PDB file of N, CA and C in Angstrom:
ATOM      1  N   MET A   1     102.799  98.062 100.034  1.00  0.00           N
ATOM      2  CA  MET A   1     101.933  98.378  98.919  1.00  0.00           C
ATOM      3  C   MET A   1     100.653  99.008  99.467  1.00  0.00           C
ATOM      4  N   LYS A   2     100.180 100.028  98.815  1.00  0.00           N
ATOM      5  CA  LYS A   2      98.990 100.708  99.297  1.00  0.00           C
ATOM      6  C   LYS A   2      97.764  99.817  99.158  1.00  0.00           C
ATOM      7  N   ARG A   3      96.957  99.812 100.204  1.00  0.00           N
ATOM      8  CA  ARG A   3      95.746  99.002 100.209  1.00  0.00           C
ATOM      9  C   ARG A   3      94.793  99.399  99.087  1.00  0.00           C
ATOM     10  N   SER A   4      94.723 100.684  98.787  1.00  0.00           N
ATOM     11  CA  SER A   4      93.797 101.132  97.749  1.00  0.00           C
ATOM     12  C   SER A   4      94.166 100.533  96.387  1.00  0.00           C
ATOM     13  N   LEU A   5      95.451 100.378  96.111  1.00  0.00           N
ATOM     14  CA  LEU A   5      95.882  99.770  94.862  1.00  0.00           C
ATOM     15  C   LEU A   5      95.504  98.288  94.824  1.00  0.00           C
ATOM     16  N   ILE A   6      95.646  97.609  95.949  1.00  0.00           N
ATOM     17  CA  ILE A   6      95.272  96.192  96.030  1.00  0.00           C
ATOM     18  C   ILE A   6      93.765  96.040  95.852  1.00  0.00           C
ATOM     19  N   VAL A   7      92.989  96.897  96.509  1.00  0.00           N
ATOM     20  CA  VAL A   7      91.533  96.847  96.388  1.00  0.00           C
ATOM     21  C   VAL A   7      91.113  97.120  94.946  1.00  0.00           C
ATOM     22  N   LEU A   8      91.705  98.129  94.323  1.00  0.00           N
ATOM     23  CA  LEU A   8      91.388  98.442  92.929  1.00  0.00           C
ATOM     24  C   LEU A   8      91.700  97.259  92.019  1.00  0.00           C
ATOM     25  N   THR A   9      92.856  96.632  92.228  1.00  0.00           N
ATOM     26  CA  THR A   9      93.239  95.461  91.435  1.00  0.00           C
ATOM     27  C   THR A   9      92.253  94.323  91.648  1.00  0.00           C
ATOM     28  N   LEU A  10      91.870  94.072  92.900  1.00  0.00           N
ATOM     29  CA  LEU A  10      90.902  93.018  93.196  1.00  0.00           C
ATOM     30  C   LEU A  10      89.557  93.289  92.536  1.00  0.00           C
ATOM     31  N   VAL A  11      89.097  94.516  92.583  1.00  0.00           N
ATOM     32  CA  VAL A  11      87.794  94.861  91.997  1.00  0.00           C
ATOM     33  C   VAL A  11      87.830  94.687  90.476  1.00  0.00           C
ATOM     34  N   LEU A  12      88.846  95.252  89.828  1.00  0.00           N
ATOM     35  CA  LEU A  12      88.936  95.143  88.374  1.00  0.00           C
ATOM     36  C   LEU A  12      89.160  93.706  87.915  1.00  0.00           C
ATOM     37  N   PHE A  13      90.084  93.006  88.567  1.00  0.00           N
ATOM     38  CA  PHE A  13      90.354  91.619  88.206  1.00  0.00           C
ATOM     39  C   PHE A  13      89.151  90.733  88.538  1.00  0.00           C
ATOM     40  N   GLY A  14      88.497  91.031  89.663  1.00  0.00           N
ATOM     41  CA  GLY A  14      87.298  90.282  90.035  1.00  0.00           C
ATOM     42  C   GLY A  14      86.188  90.456  89.011  1.00  0.00           C
ATOM     43  N   GLY A  15      86.012  91.687  88.519  1.00  0.00           N
ATOM     44  CA  GLY A  15      85.009  91.932  87.486  1.00  0.00           C
ATOM     45  C   GLY A  15      85.320  91.192  86.200  1.00  0.00           C
ATOM     46  N   LEU A  16      86.581  91.264  85.772  1.00  0.00           N
ATOM     47  CA  LEU A  16      86.999  90.540  84.571  1.00  0.00           C
ATOM     48  C   LEU A  16      86.797  89.035  84.743  1.00  0.00           C
ATOM     49  N   SER A  17      87.160  88.517  85.898  1.00  0.00           N
ATOM     50  CA  SER A  17      87.010  87.081  86.173  1.00  0.00           C
ATOM     51  C   SER A  17      85.544  86.685  86.198  1.00  0.00           C
ATOM     52  N   ALA A  18      84.693  87.509  86.791  1.00  0.00           N
ATOM     53  CA  ALA A  18      83.260  87.208  86.855  1.00  0.00           C
ATOM     54  C   ALA A  18      82.653  87.144  85.456  1.00  0.00           C
ATOM     55  N   ILE A  19      83.019  88.095  84.603  1.00  0.00           N
ATOM     56  CA  ILE A  19      82.504  88.089  83.228  1.00  0.00           C
ATOM     57  C   ILE A  19      82.987  86.851  82.480  1.00  0.00           C
ATOM     58  N   ALA A  20      84.283  86.518  82.626  1.00  0.00           N
ATOM     59  CA  ALA A  20      84.834  85.339  81.953  1.00  0.00           C
ATOM     60  C   ALA A  20      84.150  84.061  82.439  1.00  0.00           C
ATOM     61  N   LEU A  21      83.942  83.954  83.748  1.00  0.00           N
ATOM     62  CA  LEU A  21      83.260  82.770  84.288  1.00  0.00           C
ATOM     63  C   LEU A  21      81.826  82.685  83.803  1.00  0.00           C
ATOM     64  N   TRP A  22      81.151  83.814  83.751  1.00  0.00           N
ATOM     65  CA  TRP A  22      79.759  83.848  83.309  1.00  0.00           C
ATOM     66  C   TRP A  22      79.644  83.425  81.846  1.00  0.00           C
ATOM     67  N   GLN A  23      80.568  83.911  81.013  1.00  0.00           N
ATOM     68  CA  GLN A  23      80.491  83.622  79.585  1.00  0.00           C
ATOM     69  C   GLN A  23      81.046  82.256  79.204  1.00  0.00           C
ATOM     70  N   TYR A  24      82.105  81.799  79.898  1.00  0.00           N
ATOM     71  CA  TYR A  24      82.792  80.590  79.462  1.00  0.00           C
ATOM     72  C   TYR A  24      82.851  79.468  80.491  1.00  0.00           C
ATOM     73  N   GLY A  25      82.603  79.756  81.748  1.00  0.00           N
ATOM     74  CA  GLY A  25      82.719  78.744  82.790  1.00  0.00           C
ATOM     75  C   GLY A  25      84.170  78.521  83.180  1.00  0.00           C
ATOM     76  N   TYR A  26      84.365  77.773  84.266  1.00  0.00           N
ATOM     77  CA  TYR A  26      85.716  77.563  84.796  1.00  0.00           C
ATOM     78  C   TYR A  26      86.602  76.846  83.780  1.00  0.00           C
ATOM     79  N   TRP A  27      86.107  75.749  83.215  1.00  0.00           N
ATOM     80  CA  TRP A  27      86.912  74.997  82.263  1.00  0.00           C
ATOM     81  C   TRP A  27      87.121  75.796  80.975  1.00  0.00           C
ATOM     82  N   GLY A  28      86.160  76.607  80.608  1.00  0.00           N
ATOM     83  CA  GLY A  28      86.286  77.425  79.410  1.00  0.00           C
ATOM     84  C   GLY A  28      87.403  78.444  79.498  1.00  0.00           C
ATOM     85  N   ILE A  29      87.761  78.841  80.709  1.00  0.00           N
ATOM     86  CA  ILE A  29      88.879  79.761  80.901  1.00  0.00           C
ATOM     87  C   ILE A  29      90.209  79.022  80.764  1.00  0.00           C
ATOM     88  N   ILE A  30      90.256  77.785  81.234  1.00  0.00           N
ATOM     89  CA  ILE A  30      91.496  77.016  81.248  1.00  0.00           C
ATOM     90  C   ILE A  30      91.762  76.294  79.927  1.00  0.00           C
ATOM     91  N   ALA A  31      90.722  75.755  79.289  1.00  0.00           N
ATOM     92  CA  ALA A  31      90.870  74.909  78.101  1.00  0.00           C
ATOM     93  C   ALA A  31      91.687  75.534  76.968  1.00  0.00           C
ATOM     94  N   PRO A  32      91.518  76.811  76.646  1.00  0.00           N
ATOM     95  CA  PRO A  32      92.287  77.372  75.521  1.00  0.00           C
ATOM     96  C   PRO A  32      93.806  77.294  75.708  1.00  0.00           C
ATOM     97  N   HIS A  33      94.263  77.164  76.928  1.00  0.00           N
ATOM     98  CA  HIS A  33      95.701  77.115  77.178  1.00  0.00           C
ATOM     99  C   HIS A  33      96.332  75.793  76.756  1.00  0.00           C
ATOM    100  N   PHE A  34      95.515  74.842  76.349  1.00  0.00           N
ATOM    101  CA  PHE A  34      96.027  73.549  75.913  1.00  0.00           C
ATOM    102  C   PHE A  34      95.871  73.359  74.407  1.00  0.00           C
ATOM    103  N   GLN A  35      95.542  74.436  73.676  1.00  0.00           N
ATOM    104  CA  GLN A  35      95.308  74.322  72.241  1.00  0.00           C
ATOM    105  C   GLN A  35      96.561  74.521  71.396  1.00  0.00           C
ATOM    106  N   ASN A  36      97.568  75.234  71.926  1.00  0.00           N
ATOM    107  CA  ASN A  36      98.816  75.411  71.186  1.00  0.00           C
ATOM    108  C   ASN A  36      99.940  75.736  72.167  1.00  0.00           C
ATOM    109  N   PHE A  37     101.165  75.683  71.672  1.00  0.00           N
ATOM    110  CA  PHE A  37     102.317  75.895  72.549  1.00  0.00           C
ATOM    111  C   PHE A  37     102.412  77.324  73.069  1.00  0.00           C
ATOM    112  N   GLY A  38     101.967  78.294  72.297  1.00  0.00           N
ATOM    113  CA  GLY A  38     101.992  79.687  72.761  1.00  0.00           C
ATOM    114  C   GLY A  38     101.089  79.886  73.962  1.00  0.00           C
ATOM    115  N   ALA A  39      99.890  79.361  73.885  1.00  0.00           N
ATOM    116  CA  ALA A  39      98.960  79.469  75.000  1.00  0.00           C
ATOM    117  C   ALA A  39      99.446  78.649  76.193  1.00  0.00           C
ATOM    118  N   ALA A  40     100.044  77.488  75.919  1.00  0.00           N
ATOM    119  CA  ALA A  40     100.571  76.654  77.000  1.00  0.00           C
ATOM    120  C   ALA A  40     101.705  77.359  77.723  1.00  0.00           C
ATOM    121  N   GLN A  41     102.500  78.130  76.973  1.00  0.00           N
ATOM    122  CA  GLN A  41     103.600  78.880  77.597  1.00  0.00           C
ATOM    123  C   GLN A  41     103.056  79.920  78.565  1.00  0.00           C
ATOM    124  N   VAL A  42     101.989  80.616  78.181  1.00  0.00           N
ATOM    125  CA  VAL A  42     101.376  81.618  79.060  1.00  0.00           C
ATOM    126  C   VAL A  42     100.834  80.939  80.319  1.00  0.00           C
ATOM    127  N   PHE A  43     100.199  79.783  80.158  1.00  0.00           N
ATOM    128  CA  PHE A  43      99.664  79.043  81.305  1.00  0.00           C
ATOM    129  C   PHE A  43     100.800  78.580  82.216  1.00  0.00           C
ATOM    130  N   ALA A  44     101.884  78.062  81.634  1.00  0.00           N
ATOM    131  CA  ALA A  44     103.037  77.621  82.429  1.00  0.00           C
ATOM    132  C   ALA A  44     103.645  78.798  83.193  1.00  0.00           C
ATOM    133  N   ASP A  45     103.714  79.960  82.558  1.00  0.00           N
ATOM    134  CA  ASP A  45     104.232  81.155  83.205  1.00  0.00           C
ATOM    135  C   ASP A  45     103.362  81.533  84.408  1.00  0.00           C
ATOM    136  N   LEU A  46     102.051  81.455  84.241  1.00  0.00           N
ATOM    137  CA  LEU A  46     101.136  81.741  85.348  1.00  0.00           C
ATOM    138  C   LEU A  46     101.332  80.751  86.494  1.00  0.00           C
ATOM    139  N   VAL A  47     101.474  79.479  86.162  1.00  0.00           N
ATOM    140  CA  VAL A  47     101.682  78.464  87.202  1.00  0.00           C
ATOM    141  C   VAL A  47     102.985  78.728  87.955  1.00  0.00           C
ATOM    142  N   ILE A  48     104.048  79.044  87.236  1.00  0.00           N
ATOM    143  CA  ILE A  48     105.332  79.328  87.882  1.00  0.00           C
ATOM    144  C   ILE A  48     105.206  80.540  88.801  1.00  0.00           C
ATOM    145  N   ALA A  49     104.581  81.604  88.312  1.00  0.00           N
ATOM    146  CA  ALA A  49     104.418  82.817  89.122  1.00  0.00           C
ATOM    147  C   ALA A  49     103.592  82.535  90.375  1.00  0.00           C
ATOM    148  N   LEU A  50     102.534  81.740  90.251  1.00  0.00           N
ATOM    149  CA  LEU A  50     101.702  81.442  91.414  1.00  0.00           C
ATOM    150  C   LEU A  50     102.418  80.526  92.407  1.00  0.00           C
ATOM    151  N   VAL A  51     103.232  79.599  91.911  1.00  0.00           N
ATOM    152  CA  VAL A  51     104.015  78.759  92.828  1.00  0.00           C
ATOM    153  C   VAL A  51     105.005  79.626  93.603  1.00  0.00           C
ATOM    154  N   LEU A  52     105.662  80.553  92.919  1.00  0.00           N
ATOM    155  CA  LEU A  52     106.575  81.467  93.610  1.00  0.00           C
ATOM    156  C   LEU A  52     105.825  82.310  94.642  1.00  0.00           C
ATOM    157  N   ALA A  53     104.627  82.768  94.294  1.00  0.00           N
ATOM    158  CA  ALA A  53     103.821  83.545  95.241  1.00  0.00           C
ATOM    159  C   ALA A  53     103.432  82.693  96.446  1.00  0.00           C
ATOM    160  N   MET A  54     103.090  81.415  96.208  1.00  0.00           N
ATOM    161  CA  MET A  54     102.724  80.544  97.333  1.00  0.00           C
ATOM    162  C   MET A  54     103.911  80.282  98.246  1.00  0.00           C
ATOM    163  N   VAL A  55     105.099  80.107  97.667  1.00  0.00           N
ATOM    164  CA  VAL A  55     106.299  79.924  98.490  1.00  0.00           C
ATOM    165  C   VAL A  55     106.531  81.168  99.337  1.00  0.00           C
ATOM    166  N   TRP A  56     106.415  82.349  98.727  1.00  0.00           N
ATOM    167  CA  TRP A  56     106.594  83.587  99.485  1.00  0.00           C
ATOM    168  C   TRP A  56     105.537  83.713 100.580  1.00  0.00           C
ATOM    169  N   MET A  57     104.267  83.441 100.234  1.00  0.00           N
ATOM    170  CA  MET A  57     103.204  83.547 101.244  1.00  0.00           C
ATOM    171  C   MET A  57     103.461  82.589 102.400  1.00  0.00           C
ATOM    172  N   TRP A  58     103.881  81.366 102.086  1.00  0.00           N
ATOM    173  CA  TRP A  58     104.160  80.370 103.121  1.00  0.00           C
ATOM    174  C   TRP A  58     105.232  80.887 104.080  1.00  0.00           C
ATOM    175  N   GLN A  59     106.349  81.354 103.524  1.00  0.00           N
ATOM    176  CA  GLN A  59     107.452  81.829 104.353  1.00  0.00           C
ATOM    177  C   GLN A  59     107.056  83.082 105.133  1.00  0.00           C
ATOM    178  N   ASP A  60     106.361  84.003 104.480  1.00  0.00           N
ATOM    179  CA  ASP A  60     105.958  85.237 105.138  1.00  0.00           C
ATOM    180  C   ASP A  60     104.946  84.958 106.244  1.00  0.00           C
ATOM    181  N   ALA A  61     103.976  84.119 105.967  1.00  0.00           N
ATOM    182  CA  ALA A  61     102.956  83.803 106.968  1.00  0.00           C
ATOM    183  C   ALA A  61     103.582  83.142 108.194  1.00  0.00           C
ATOM    184  N   LYS A  62     104.475  82.196 107.966  1.00  0.00           N
ATOM    185  CA  LYS A  62     105.159  81.537 109.088  1.00  0.00           C
ATOM    186  C   LYS A  62     105.983  82.545 109.888  1.00  0.00           C
ATOM    187  N   ALA A  63     106.640  83.472 109.207  1.00  0.00           N
ATOM    188  CA  ALA A  63     107.494  84.457 109.887  1.00  0.00           C
ATOM    189  C   ALA A  63     106.693  85.409 110.755  1.00  0.00           C
ATOM    190  N   ILE A  64     105.462  85.708 110.373  1.00  0.00           N
ATOM    191  CA  ILE A  64     104.663  86.656 111.166  1.00  0.00           C
ATOM    192  C   ILE A  64     103.568  85.969 111.973  1.00  0.00           C
ATOM    193  N   GLY A  65     103.594  84.633 112.020  1.00  0.00           N
ATOM    194  CA  GLY A  65     102.666  83.901 112.870  1.00  0.00           C
ATOM    195  C   GLY A  65     101.269  83.720 112.301  1.00  0.00           C
ATOM    196  N   ARG A  66     101.141  83.702 110.999  1.00  0.00           N
ATOM    197  CA  ARG A  66      99.842  83.462 110.350  1.00  0.00           C
ATOM    198  C   ARG A  66      99.781  82.044 109.826  1.00  0.00           C
ATOM    199  N   ASN A  67      98.576  81.536 109.691  1.00  0.00           N
ATOM    200  CA  ASN A  67      98.363  80.233 109.082  1.00  0.00           C
ATOM    201  C   ASN A  67      98.361  80.412 107.558  1.00  0.00           C
ATOM    202  N   PRO A  68      99.299  79.800 106.836  1.00  0.00           N
ATOM    203  CA  PRO A  68      99.364  80.012 105.385  1.00  0.00           C
ATOM    204  C   PRO A  68      98.342  79.209 104.584  1.00  0.00           C
ATOM    205  N   TRP A  69      97.751  78.171 105.175  1.00  0.00           N
ATOM    206  CA  TRP A  69      96.907  77.252 104.410  1.00  0.00           C
ATOM    207  C   TRP A  69      95.700  77.900 103.739  1.00  0.00           C
ATOM    208  N   PRO A  70      94.972  78.799 104.388  1.00  0.00           N
ATOM    209  CA  PRO A  70      93.828  79.393 103.676  1.00  0.00           C
ATOM    210  C   PRO A  70      94.249  80.096 102.382  1.00  0.00           C
ATOM    211  N   TRP A  71      95.383  80.764 102.405  1.00  0.00           N
ATOM    212  CA  TRP A  71      95.847  81.516 101.245  1.00  0.00           C
ATOM    213  C   TRP A  71      96.372  80.588 100.161  1.00  0.00           C
ATOM    214  N   ILE A  72      96.979  79.483 100.564  1.00  0.00           N
ATOM    215  CA  ILE A  72      97.454  78.488  99.601  1.00  0.00           C
ATOM    216  C   ILE A  72      96.246  77.856  98.895  1.00  0.00           C
ATOM    217  N   VAL A  73      95.226  77.488  99.658  1.00  0.00           N
ATOM    218  CA  VAL A  73      94.023  76.866  99.088  1.00  0.00           C
ATOM    219  C   VAL A  73      93.316  77.838  98.130  1.00  0.00           C
ATOM    220  N   VAL A  74      93.177  79.089  98.540  1.00  0.00           N
ATOM    221  CA  VAL A  74      92.532  80.084  97.663  1.00  0.00           C
ATOM    222  C   VAL A  74      93.343  80.252  96.380  1.00  0.00           C
ATOM    223  N   THR A  75      94.659  80.266  96.487  1.00  0.00           N
ATOM    224  CA  THR A  75      95.505  80.401  95.301  1.00  0.00           C
ATOM    225  C   THR A  75      95.342  79.208  94.371  1.00  0.00           C
ATOM    226  N   LEU A  76      95.309  78.004  94.927  1.00  0.00           N
ATOM    227  CA  LEU A  76      95.138  76.813  94.102  1.00  0.00           C
ATOM    228  C   LEU A  76      93.778  76.787  93.418  1.00  0.00           C
ATOM    229  N   ALA A  77      92.747  77.284  94.089  1.00  0.00           N
ATOM    230  CA  ALA A  77      91.393  77.256  93.538  1.00  0.00           C
ATOM    231  C   ALA A  77      91.075  78.461  92.655  1.00  0.00           C
ATOM    232  N   MET A  78      91.646  79.628  93.010  1.00  0.00           N
ATOM    233  CA  MET A  78      91.220  80.864  92.346  1.00  0.00           C
ATOM    234  C   MET A  78      92.371  81.699  91.803  1.00  0.00           C
ATOM    235  N   GLY A  79      93.567  81.133  91.731  1.00  0.00           N
ATOM    236  CA  GLY A  79      94.694  81.834  91.129  1.00  0.00           C
ATOM    237  C   GLY A  79      95.132  83.067  91.895  1.00  0.00           C
ATOM    238  N   SER A  80      95.276  84.160  91.194  1.00  0.00           N
ATOM    239  CA  SER A  80      95.846  85.387  91.750  1.00  0.00           C
ATOM    240  C   SER A  80      95.034  85.998  92.882  1.00  0.00           C
ATOM    241  N   PHE A  81      93.804  85.562  93.066  1.00  0.00           N
ATOM    242  CA  PHE A  81      93.017  86.083  94.180  1.00  0.00           C
ATOM    243  C   PHE A  81      93.663  85.742  95.526  1.00  0.00           C
ATOM    244  N   GLY A  82      94.323  84.589  95.612  1.00  0.00           N
ATOM    245  CA  GLY A  82      94.982  84.200  96.863  1.00  0.00           C
ATOM    246  C   GLY A  82      96.036  85.199  97.307  1.00  0.00           C
ATOM    247  N   PRO A  83      97.061  85.453  96.482  1.00  0.00           N
ATOM    248  CA  PRO A  83      98.075  86.433  96.872  1.00  0.00           C
ATOM    249  C   PRO A  83      97.511  87.842  97.079  1.00  0.00           C
ATOM    250  N   LEU A  84      96.552  88.241  96.247  1.00  0.00           N
ATOM    251  CA  LEU A  84      95.973  89.581  96.413  1.00  0.00           C
ATOM    252  C   LEU A  84      95.245  89.704  97.750  1.00  0.00           C
ATOM    253  N   LEU A  85      94.462  88.689  98.105  1.00  0.00           N
ATOM    254  CA  LEU A  85      93.757  88.730  99.391  1.00  0.00           C
ATOM    255  C   LEU A  85      94.731  88.635 100.560  1.00  0.00           C
ATOM    256  N   TYR A  86      95.794  87.850 100.400  1.00  0.00           N
ATOM    257  CA  TYR A  86      96.812  87.762 101.434  1.00  0.00           C
ATOM    258  C   TYR A  86      97.419  89.144 101.681  1.00  0.00           C
ATOM    259  N   LEU A  87      97.806  89.823 100.602  1.00  0.00           N
ATOM    260  CA  LEU A  87      98.390  91.164 100.746  1.00  0.00           C
ATOM    261  C   LEU A  87      97.398  92.147 101.358  1.00  0.00           C
ATOM    262  N   LEU A  88      96.129  92.027 100.987  1.00  0.00           N
ATOM    263  CA  LEU A  88      95.111  92.936 101.514  1.00  0.00           C
ATOM    264  C   LEU A  88      94.923  92.762 103.014  1.00  0.00           C
ATOM    265  N   THR A  89      95.021  91.532 103.490  1.00  0.00           N
ATOM    266  CA  THR A  89      94.762  91.253 104.906  1.00  0.00           C
ATOM    267  C   THR A  89      96.035  91.198 105.742  1.00  0.00           C
ATOM    268  N   ARG A  90      97.188  91.356 105.109  1.00  0.00           N
ATOM    269  CA  ARG A  90      98.463  91.271 105.828  1.00  0.00           C
ATOM    270  C   ARG A  90      98.727  92.556 106.606  1.00  0.00           C
ATOM    271  N   GLN A  91      99.122  92.393 107.847  1.00  0.00           N
ATOM    272  CA  GLN A  91      99.529  93.539 108.648  1.00  0.00           C
ATOM    273  C   GLN A  91     100.954  93.905 108.275  1.00  0.00           C
ATOM    274  N   SER A  92     101.281  95.171 108.403  1.00  0.00           N
ATOM    275  CA  SER A  92     102.668  95.557 108.136  1.00  0.00           C
ATOM    276  C   SER A  92     103.567  94.949 109.209  1.00  0.00           C
ATOM    277  N   VAL A  93     104.818  94.767 108.878  1.00  0.00           N
ATOM    278  CA  VAL A  93     105.776  94.160 109.807  1.00  0.00           C
ATOM    279  C   VAL A  93     105.863  94.976 111.093  1.00  0.00           C
ATOM    280  N   ALA A  94     105.714  96.281 111.011  1.00  0.00           N
ATOM    281  CA  ALA A  94     105.784  97.139 112.197  1.00  0.00           C
ATOM    282  C   ALA A  94     104.634  96.862 113.158  1.00  0.00           C
ATOM    283  N   ASN A  95     103.490  96.395 112.622  1.00  0.00           N
ATOM    284  CA  ASN A  95     102.323  96.122 113.458  1.00  0.00           C
ATOM    285  C   ASN A  95     102.337  94.748 114.094  1.00  0.00           C
ATOM    286  N   VAL A  96     103.198  93.864 113.617  1.00  0.00           N
ATOM    287  CA  VAL A  96     103.269  92.495 114.137  1.00  0.00           C
ATOM    288  C   VAL A  96     104.239  92.476 115.301  1.00  0.00           C
ATOM    289  N   GLU A  97     103.778  91.948 116.437  1.00  0.00           N
ATOM    290  CA  GLU A  97     104.637  91.889 117.620  1.00  0.00           C
ATOM    291  C   GLU A  97     105.730  90.855 117.431  1.00  0.00           C
ATOM    292  N   ALA A  98     106.898  91.174 117.915  1.00  0.00           N
ATOM    293  CA  ALA A  98     108.002  90.220 117.872  1.00  0.00           C
ATOM    294  C   ALA A  98     107.725  89.101 118.866  1.00  0.00           C
ATOM    295  N   PRO A  99     108.059  87.853 118.503  1.00  0.00           N
ATOM    296  CA  PRO A  99     107.847  86.740 119.433  1.00  0.00           C
ATOM    297  C   PRO A  99     108.683  86.924 120.703  1.00  0.00           C
ATOM    298  N   VAL A 100     108.084  86.525 121.833  1.00  0.00           N
ATOM    299  CA  VAL A 100     108.760  86.640 123.113  1.00  0.00           C
ATOM    300  C   VAL A 100     109.684  85.441 123.279  1.00  0.00           C
ATOM    301  N   SER A 101     110.940  85.697 123.627  1.00  0.00           N
ATOM    302  CA  SER A 101     111.918  84.613 123.786  1.00  0.00           C
ATOM    303  C   SER A 101     111.859  84.044 125.187  1.00  0.00           C
TER     304      SER A 101
END
């Protein structure tokens, strides 16, 4: 994935998140998802997608010799910022040296 697309996504999503946090606070962003089943479904979908992303990050980080914990913690605390930052800082497979046997 092109870095410029990841950076653009981070900037736009970061701006949207900053405005939402400023206007509603952390709990104000989460609370509406518990008001009805439709909103709860969207929240559950986000949780499922982020768990899948964390599983992928864990496996990918281990395969290329990275510590997955910082990205898992960021994902748990800040949602999609974790996977986006992981992708932004990830080296391509061609740049990662193969382990010496």
